[in-house]
Amino acid sequence: MKDINFSFVNLLNIVTLCVTILFIFQIYFLKKENKSNTFFSVYLINITVILIFFLVLDLDYEMTAYTLTPLLLFSALSIGPMLWIYVKLVTGYELKQLKKHLYVPIGFGLITLILLCSDFIISDEKISLYIKLNVLYITLAGITVFFILQNVYYSYLSLKLYKNHLKNIGNTFSYTEKVNLKWLKLLIYGYFFLIIGLVVSNLIDDSASNIMFHIILLTYVIFSGYNALKQNPIFKDFKEETNQVPSFHEENNTELFKELKRKLLAVIDEEKLYLDSSLTIHTLASKLNSNTKYVSQLINNELNKNFVMFINEYRINDAKDLLSNREKDNLTIESIGYEVGFKSKSAFNRVFKQFTSQTPTQFKQDNS
């Protein structure tokens, strides 16, 4: 039996493999109610397959690595689409035409699998050598040109989804805690730099670059796995609306919007819905017996604000009254933030400064 000599890079690879498999188990089995986590588990499985392949190759098990080539190509070319699908699901989009995003990895995987099967069946050495060369060329093309171009493309699509999400949350939620998904931005950028690191480490091919790459990969897996475990579906409670407003025709568009605006401002003032820290545009639309599309359009176009700015303006006005009221001096800054509808002190401070150019403490000192 062949002696196995593990290098430090191999040990790092094994540690990363163990951590990745642990996250796959936790994310898939402990958070399986979240559909997005199924695809994130597949994303991590693809990373696992790539790690196993390069570990086998580094340990000079060339025949085993050769046999694993179809799986390597399928996993390497699936990793970009899986990242994009995960980002798409976690930001509230529906999956459509999923198969077309897997045509390239399936194609490369099947072609190399057919060639490998032919190689094992055919006994002629010249034909076998020819097949091996073709497998090598296809693999090189797959993990260089196609891999790089595909991942640039899906990284771009993922960032585009993230930016659209930032825009959407301002028109949907009255808060940003746990819905701004800043970690997704790091996930996408981190993945893009991992691809660059993988290419560079293989071009330079020295121990220092390989060690650095595996340390970065391990950090990336821990960061992404931990955040995926914490992430809950953002839009899971939003059901399709059955409460529809009649279509806005040109002749009655203005009057309908005027009536909706009157009802909106009245319900906000009278019921003080903005004091609910979990208020969403869906809740508000339901109160107005309307539709989120029209309420959002009204706030955006008629009031020149997005939903979160519209609600936060009311909250900040209430907060200013409380901060300048000497009878409320017993209230802390944090308790005032909670009272007017903010979920945390940090969110209150940030939004208050955005509206007044002062912190709540500075405002209180100037107006008490």
Protein backbone atom coordinates (compact mmCIF):
# COMPACT_ATOMS: atom_id res chain seq x y z
CA MET A 1 0.00 0.00 0.00
CA LYS A 2 1.28 3.45 -0.89
CA ASP A 3 2.64 5.54 2.01
CA ILE A 4 0.74 8.76 2.59
CA ASN A 5 2.77 11.83 3.51
CA PHE A 6 0.61 14.76 4.54
CA SER A 7 1.96 18.24 4.03
CA PHE A 8 0.74 21.27 5.99
CA VAL A 9 -1.37 22.26 2.95
CA ASN A 10 -2.96 18.77 2.97
CA LEU A 11 -3.78 19.12 6.67
CA LEU A 12 -5.35 22.52 6.04
CA ASN A 13 -7.35 20.95 3.22
CA ILE A 14 -8.60 18.19 5.53
CA VAL A 15 -9.55 20.68 8.27
CA THR A 16 -11.47 22.76 5.70
CA LEU A 17 -13.16 19.60 4.45
CA CYS A 18 -14.29 18.64 7.97
CA VAL A 19 -15.60 22.14 8.70
CA THR A 20 -17.43 22.26 5.36
CA ILE A 21 -19.05 18.85 5.91
CA LEU A 22 -20.11 19.93 9.42
CA PHE A 23 -21.83 23.02 8.02
CA ILE A 24 -23.48 20.97 5.26
CA PHE A 25 -24.99 18.66 7.89
CA GLN A 26 -26.14 21.52 10.13
CA ILE A 27 -27.57 23.69 7.36
CA TYR A 28 -29.33 20.89 5.49
CA PHE A 29 -30.75 18.92 8.43
CA LEU A 30 -31.22 21.60 11.09
CA LYS A 31 -32.58 24.34 8.79
CA LYS A 32 -34.26 22.20 6.13
CA GLU A 33 -37.52 24.19 6.33
CA ASN A 34 -35.69 26.96 4.49
CA LYS A 35 -35.56 26.08 0.78
CA SER A 36 -32.62 28.40 0.18
CA ASN A 37 -30.51 26.34 2.59
CA THR A 38 -30.88 23.25 0.41
CA PHE A 39 -29.08 25.08 -2.39
CA PHE A 40 -26.50 26.52 -0.01
CA SER A 41 -25.79 22.97 1.15
CA VAL A 42 -25.25 21.98 -2.51
CA TYR A 43 -22.98 25.02 -2.86
CA LEU A 44 -20.87 23.72 0.04
CA ILE A 45 -20.96 20.16 -1.36
CA ASN A 46 -19.44 21.51 -4.59
CA ILE A 47 -16.64 23.09 -2.57
CA THR A 48 -16.17 19.75 -0.78
CA VAL A 49 -15.82 17.84 -4.07
CA ILE A 50 -13.20 20.32 -5.33
CA LEU A 51 -11.26 20.02 -2.05
CA ILE A 52 -11.35 16.21 -2.21
CA PHE A 53 -10.15 16.20 -5.82
CA PHE A 54 -7.15 18.43 -5.15
CA LEU A 55 -6.31 16.51 -1.96
CA VAL A 56 -6.29 13.24 -3.92
CA LEU A 57 -4.18 14.87 -6.63
CA ASP A 58 -1.70 16.29 -4.09
CA LEU A 59 -1.32 12.83 -2.54
CA ASP A 60 -0.36 11.48 -6.00
CA TYR A 61 -3.41 9.27 -6.43
CA GLU A 62 -3.55 10.18 -10.09
CA MET A 63 -5.84 7.36 -11.20
CA THR A 64 -8.38 8.20 -8.50
CA ALA A 65 -8.21 11.88 -9.47
CA TYR A 66 -8.70 10.87 -13.13
CA THR A 67 -11.82 8.88 -12.17
CA LEU A 68 -13.18 11.86 -10.23
CA THR A 69 -12.78 14.25 -13.18
CA PRO A 70 -16.48 14.25 -14.27
CA LEU A 71 -17.54 15.02 -10.69
CA LEU A 72 -14.90 17.76 -10.44
CA LEU A 73 -16.12 19.45 -13.63
CA PHE A 74 -19.77 19.21 -12.64
CA SER A 75 -19.07 20.63 -9.16
CA ALA A 76 -16.69 23.36 -10.29
CA LEU A 77 -19.10 24.59 -12.97
CA SER A 78 -22.13 24.29 -10.64
CA ILE A 79 -20.70 26.38 -7.83
CA GLY A 80 -21.38 29.77 -9.46
CA PRO A 81 -25.00 28.98 -10.37
CA MET A 82 -25.63 27.56 -6.86
CA LEU A 83 -24.35 30.75 -5.25
CA TRP A 84 -26.64 32.81 -7.49
CA ILE A 85 -29.63 30.55 -6.78
CA TYR A 86 -29.02 30.84 -3.02
CA VAL A 87 -28.83 34.65 -3.19
CA LYS A 88 -31.95 34.68 -5.37
CA LEU A 89 -33.95 32.60 -2.88
CA VAL A 90 -32.76 34.34 0.26
CA THR A 91 -33.66 37.75 -1.17
CA GLY A 92 -37.21 36.61 -1.89
CA TYR A 93 -37.22 35.75 -5.59
CA GLU A 94 -38.85 32.68 -7.10
CA LEU A 95 -36.92 30.00 -8.96
CA LYS A 96 -37.66 29.86 -12.68
CA GLN A 97 -36.01 27.86 -15.46
CA LEU A 98 -33.44 26.37 -13.08
CA LYS A 99 -32.29 23.66 -15.51
CA LYS A 100 -30.81 26.06 -18.04
CA HIS A 101 -28.26 27.24 -15.48
CA LEU A 102 -26.97 23.68 -15.14
CA TYR A 103 -26.56 22.91 -18.85
CA VAL A 104 -22.84 23.75 -18.87
CA PRO A 105 -21.84 21.69 -15.78
CA ILE A 106 -24.04 18.75 -16.87
CA GLY A 107 -22.58 18.93 -20.39
CA PHE A 108 -18.95 18.89 -19.21
CA GLY A 109 -19.68 16.19 -16.65
CA LEU A 110 -21.43 13.90 -19.14
CA ILE A 111 -18.80 14.30 -21.87
CA THR A 112 -15.93 13.43 -19.51
CA LEU A 113 -17.95 10.57 -17.98
CA ILE A 114 -18.56 9.05 -21.44
CA LEU A 115 -14.86 9.41 -22.30
CA LEU A 116 -13.83 7.82 -19.00
CA CYS A 117 -16.19 4.88 -19.50
CA SER A 118 -14.83 4.44 -23.03
CA ASP A 119 -11.28 4.50 -21.67
CA PHE A 120 -12.03 1.75 -19.15
CA ILE A 121 -13.76 -0.41 -21.79
CA ILE A 122 -11.25 0.01 -24.64
CA SER A 123 -8.01 -1.90 -24.22
CA ASP A 124 -6.07 -0.28 -27.08
CA GLU A 125 -3.27 1.84 -25.54
CA LYS A 126 -3.16 4.40 -28.35
CA ILE A 127 -6.90 5.04 -28.19
CA SER A 128 -6.70 5.11 -24.39
CA LEU A 129 -3.95 7.73 -24.56
CA TYR A 130 -6.00 9.76 -27.03
CA ILE A 131 -9.01 9.63 -24.71
CA LYS A 132 -6.89 10.67 -21.71
CA LEU A 133 -5.56 13.66 -23.66
CA ASN A 134 -9.09 14.70 -24.58
CA VAL A 135 -10.20 14.41 -20.96
CA LEU A 136 -7.22 16.56 -19.97
CA TYR A 137 -7.99 19.24 -22.59
CA ILE A 138 -11.70 19.30 -21.67
CA THR A 139 -10.85 19.52 -17.96
CA LEU A 140 -8.38 22.36 -18.53
CA ALA A 141 -10.93 24.22 -20.65
CA GLY A 142 -13.63 23.64 -18.04
CA ILE A 143 -11.68 24.74 -14.97
CA THR A 144 -9.98 27.68 -16.65
CA VAL A 145 -11.86 29.50 -19.39
CA PHE A 146 -15.41 28.32 -18.68
CA PHE A 147 -14.94 28.35 -14.90
CA ILE A 148 -13.60 31.91 -14.81
CA LEU A 149 -16.09 33.39 -17.30
CA GLN A 150 -19.02 31.62 -15.69
CA ASN A 151 -18.11 32.77 -12.19
CA VAL A 152 -17.61 36.36 -13.28
CA TYR A 153 -21.08 36.21 -14.82
CA TYR A 154 -22.81 34.67 -11.79
CA SER A 155 -20.96 36.94 -9.36
CA TYR A 156 -22.30 39.88 -11.35
CA LEU A 157 -25.85 38.45 -11.27
CA SER A 158 -25.58 37.82 -7.53
CA LEU A 159 -24.42 41.38 -6.82
CA LYS A 160 -27.24 42.70 -8.98
CA LEU A 161 -29.74 40.69 -6.90
CA TYR A 162 -28.19 42.04 -3.71
CA LYS A 163 -28.47 45.65 -4.90
CA ASN A 164 -32.09 45.09 -5.93
CA HIS A 165 -32.73 43.65 -2.48
CA LEU A 166 -31.35 46.77 -0.80
CA LYS A 167 -33.79 48.79 -2.86
CA ASN A 168 -36.68 46.44 -2.12
CA ILE A 169 -36.24 46.40 1.65
CA GLY A 170 -36.62 50.17 1.73
CA ASN A 171 -40.00 49.77 0.05
CA THR A 172 -41.11 46.78 2.12
CA PHE A 173 -39.82 46.99 5.70
CA SER A 174 -39.85 49.75 8.30
CA TYR A 175 -36.60 48.38 9.74
CA THR A 176 -33.34 47.03 8.35
CA GLU A 177 -32.16 44.70 11.13
CA LYS A 178 -31.80 41.12 9.84
CA VAL A 179 -33.11 42.06 6.39
CA ASN A 180 -30.28 44.14 4.92
CA LEU A 181 -28.17 40.98 4.42
CA LYS A 182 -24.83 42.82 4.38
CA TRP A 183 -23.13 39.47 4.85
CA LEU A 184 -24.34 38.42 1.39
CA LYS A 185 -22.22 41.15 -0.14
CA LEU A 186 -19.17 39.73 1.64
CA LEU A 187 -20.20 36.22 0.57
CA ILE A 188 -20.30 37.26 -3.09
CA TYR A 189 -17.12 39.36 -3.05
CA GLY A 190 -15.37 36.69 -0.99
CA TYR A 191 -16.31 34.04 -3.51
CA PHE A 192 -15.05 36.17 -6.40
CA PHE A 193 -11.68 36.68 -4.67
CA LEU A 194 -11.53 32.97 -3.88
CA ILE A 195 -11.71 32.23 -7.58
CA ILE A 196 -8.88 34.67 -8.21
CA GLY A 197 -6.92 33.12 -5.34
CA LEU A 198 -7.47 29.63 -6.72
CA VAL A 199 -6.16 30.67 -10.14
CA VAL A 200 -3.17 32.55 -8.68
CA SER A 201 -2.21 29.74 -6.27
CA ASN A 202 -2.23 27.23 -9.13
CA LEU A 203 -0.21 29.52 -11.41
CA ILE A 204 2.42 30.27 -8.77
CA ASP A 205 2.16 26.77 -7.25
CA ASP A 206 4.36 27.27 -4.18
CA SER A 207 3.68 26.28 -0.57
CA ALA A 208 3.21 29.86 0.68
CA SER A 209 0.48 30.73 -1.86
CA ASN A 210 -1.26 27.38 -1.29
CA ILE A 211 -1.23 27.81 2.49
CA MET A 212 -2.59 31.35 2.16
CA PHE A 213 -5.34 30.18 -0.19
CA HIS A 214 -6.45 27.36 2.12
CA ILE A 215 -6.49 29.66 5.15
CA ILE A 216 -8.66 32.16 3.24
CA LEU A 217 -10.91 29.32 2.03
CA LEU A 218 -11.32 27.99 5.59
CA THR A 219 -12.18 31.49 6.84
CA TYR A 220 -14.67 31.92 3.99
CA VAL A 221 -16.39 28.58 4.73
CA ILE A 222 -16.70 29.41 8.45
CA PHE A 223 -18.04 32.91 7.74
CA SER A 224 -20.56 31.84 5.09
CA GLY A 225 -21.68 28.70 6.93
CA TYR A 226 -22.20 30.56 10.20
CA ASN A 227 -24.26 33.30 8.54
CA ALA A 228 -26.30 30.82 6.50
CA LEU A 229 -27.20 29.03 9.74
CA LYS A 230 -28.40 32.30 11.28
CA GLN A 231 -30.30 33.45 8.20
CA ASN A 232 -34.05 32.98 8.27
CA PRO A 233 -36.34 33.41 5.25
CA ILE A 234 -37.12 37.13 5.02
CA PHE A 235 -40.33 36.90 3.05
CA LYS A 236 -41.69 33.64 4.49
CA ASP A 237 -44.73 35.30 6.09
CA PHE A 238 -45.75 37.29 3.01
CA LYS A 239 -48.53 35.52 1.19
CA GLU A 240 -49.84 36.34 -2.22
CA GLU A 241 -52.34 39.17 -1.93
CA THR A 242 -55.93 38.51 -2.80
CA ASN A 243 -57.02 42.00 -1.88
CA GLN A 244 -56.71 43.85 -5.16
CA VAL A 245 -57.48 47.45 -5.98
CA PRO A 246 -59.23 48.12 -9.30
CA SER A 247 -56.91 49.02 -12.17
CA PHE A 248 -55.91 52.66 -12.35
CA HIS A 249 -57.15 54.06 -15.64
CA GLU A 250 -55.96 57.39 -16.93
CA GLU A 251 -59.20 59.22 -16.16
CA ASN A 252 -59.54 58.15 -12.53
CA ASN A 253 -55.88 57.68 -11.59
CA THR A 254 -55.54 61.04 -9.77
CA GLU A 255 -58.73 60.69 -7.73
CA LEU A 256 -57.94 57.16 -6.61
CA PHE A 257 -54.47 58.17 -5.52
CA LYS A 258 -55.84 61.19 -3.67
CA GLU A 259 -58.26 58.97 -1.76
CA LEU A 260 -55.57 56.41 -0.99
CA LYS A 261 -53.22 59.17 0.18
CA ARG A 262 -55.90 60.60 2.49
CA LYS A 263 -56.56 57.17 4.00
CA LEU A 264 -52.82 56.50 4.35
CA LEU A 265 -52.04 59.70 6.24
CA ALA A 266 -55.17 59.32 8.39
CA VAL A 267 -54.42 55.76 9.48
CA ILE A 268 -50.78 56.60 10.22
CA ASP A 269 -51.75 59.61 12.36
CA GLU A 270 -54.73 58.07 14.13
CA GLU A 271 -53.47 54.54 14.78
CA LYS A 272 -49.74 55.41 14.99
CA LEU A 273 -48.81 52.25 13.11
CA TYR A 274 -45.22 53.44 12.92
CA LEU A 275 -44.77 52.57 16.61
CA ASP A 276 -44.83 48.90 15.59
CA SER A 277 -41.15 48.01 15.12
CA SER A 278 -42.08 45.11 12.82
CA LEU A 279 -44.36 47.12 10.54
CA THR A 280 -44.16 46.20 6.85
CA ILE A 281 -45.85 47.61 3.80
CA HIS A 282 -47.96 44.44 3.66
CA THR A 283 -49.44 45.23 7.08
CA LEU A 284 -50.05 48.83 6.08
CA ALA A 285 -51.71 47.86 2.78
CA SER A 286 -53.99 45.46 4.65
CA LYS A 287 -55.04 48.27 7.01
CA LEU A 288 -55.88 50.42 4.00
CA ASN A 289 -57.78 47.59 2.32
CA SER A 290 -55.39 48.09 -0.57
CA ASN A 291 -52.50 46.47 -2.36
CA THR A 292 -48.77 46.81 -1.58
CA LYS A 293 -48.02 47.75 -5.19
CA TYR A 294 -50.26 50.81 -5.07
CA VAL A 295 -49.30 51.84 -1.54
CA SER A 296 -45.62 51.64 -2.48
CA GLN A 297 -46.26 53.57 -5.70
CA LEU A 298 -48.12 56.24 -3.73
CA ILE A 299 -45.32 56.66 -1.17
CA ASN A 300 -42.59 56.64 -3.84
CA ASN A 301 -44.21 58.93 -6.39
CA GLU A 302 -46.58 61.16 -4.42
CA LEU A 303 -44.52 61.57 -1.24
CA ASN A 304 -41.08 61.18 -2.89
CA LYS A 305 -39.86 58.71 -0.26
CA ASN A 306 -39.47 55.00 0.13
CA PHE A 307 -41.45 53.13 2.76
CA VAL A 308 -38.75 52.98 5.44
CA MET A 309 -38.04 56.74 5.14
CA PHE A 310 -41.76 57.51 5.29
CA ILE A 311 -42.23 55.52 8.51
CA ASN A 312 -38.96 56.63 10.10
CA GLU A 313 -39.88 60.29 9.61
CA TYR A 314 -42.87 59.78 11.93
CA ARG A 315 -40.72 57.89 14.41
CA ILE A 316 -38.06 60.59 14.50
CA ASN A 317 -40.67 63.33 14.97
CA ASP A 318 -42.07 61.45 17.97
CA ALA A 319 -38.56 60.89 19.28
CA LYS A 320 -37.75 64.60 19.01
CA ASP A 321 -40.87 65.42 21.04
CA LEU A 322 -39.88 62.94 23.74
CA LEU A 323 -36.25 64.09 23.83
CA SER A 324 -37.21 67.76 24.21
CA ASN A 325 -39.92 67.05 26.82
CA ARG A 326 -38.52 67.65 30.32
CA GLU A 327 -41.22 65.46 31.81
CA LYS A 328 -39.64 62.55 29.95
CA ASP A 329 -36.12 63.10 31.30
CA ASN A 330 -36.36 59.80 33.16
CA LEU A 331 -36.41 57.93 29.84
CA THR A 332 -33.10 56.72 28.47
CA ILE A 333 -32.12 57.22 24.83
CA GLU A 334 -32.49 53.49 24.26
CA SER A 335 -36.00 53.32 25.78
CA ILE A 336 -37.11 56.29 23.65
CA GLY A 337 -35.86 54.48 20.56
CA TYR A 338 -37.85 51.40 21.45
CA GLU A 339 -40.93 53.46 22.32
CA VAL A 340 -41.07 55.16 18.92
CA GLY A 341 -40.65 51.90 16.97
CA PHE A 342 -36.95 51.13 16.54
CA LYS A 343 -35.65 47.62 17.12
CA SER A 344 -32.29 48.65 18.59
CA LYS A 345 -30.38 51.60 20.00
CA SER A 346 -27.87 51.50 17.15
CA ALA A 347 -30.67 51.70 14.54
CA PHE A 348 -32.26 54.61 16.42
CA ASN A 349 -28.98 56.54 16.61
CA ARG A 350 -28.19 55.94 12.95
CA VAL A 351 -31.61 56.99 11.62
CA PHE A 352 -31.91 59.95 14.01
CA LYS A 353 -28.58 61.32 12.79
CA GLN A 354 -29.65 60.72 9.18
CA PHE A 355 -32.72 62.94 9.68
CA THR A 356 -31.31 65.60 12.05
CA SER A 357 -27.52 65.53 11.56
CA GLN A 358 -27.30 65.01 15.33
CA THR A 359 -27.25 62.04 17.64
CA PRO A 360 -30.22 61.73 20.03
CA THR A 361 -27.92 62.66 22.93
CA GLN A 362 -26.73 65.85 21.19
CA PHE A 363 -30.31 66.76 20.29
CA LYS A 364 -31.45 66.28 23.90
CA GLN A 365 -28.62 68.44 25.22
CA ASP A 366 -29.49 71.24 22.76
CA ASN A 367 -33.23 71.15 23.38
CA SER A 368 -33.71 70.34 27.06
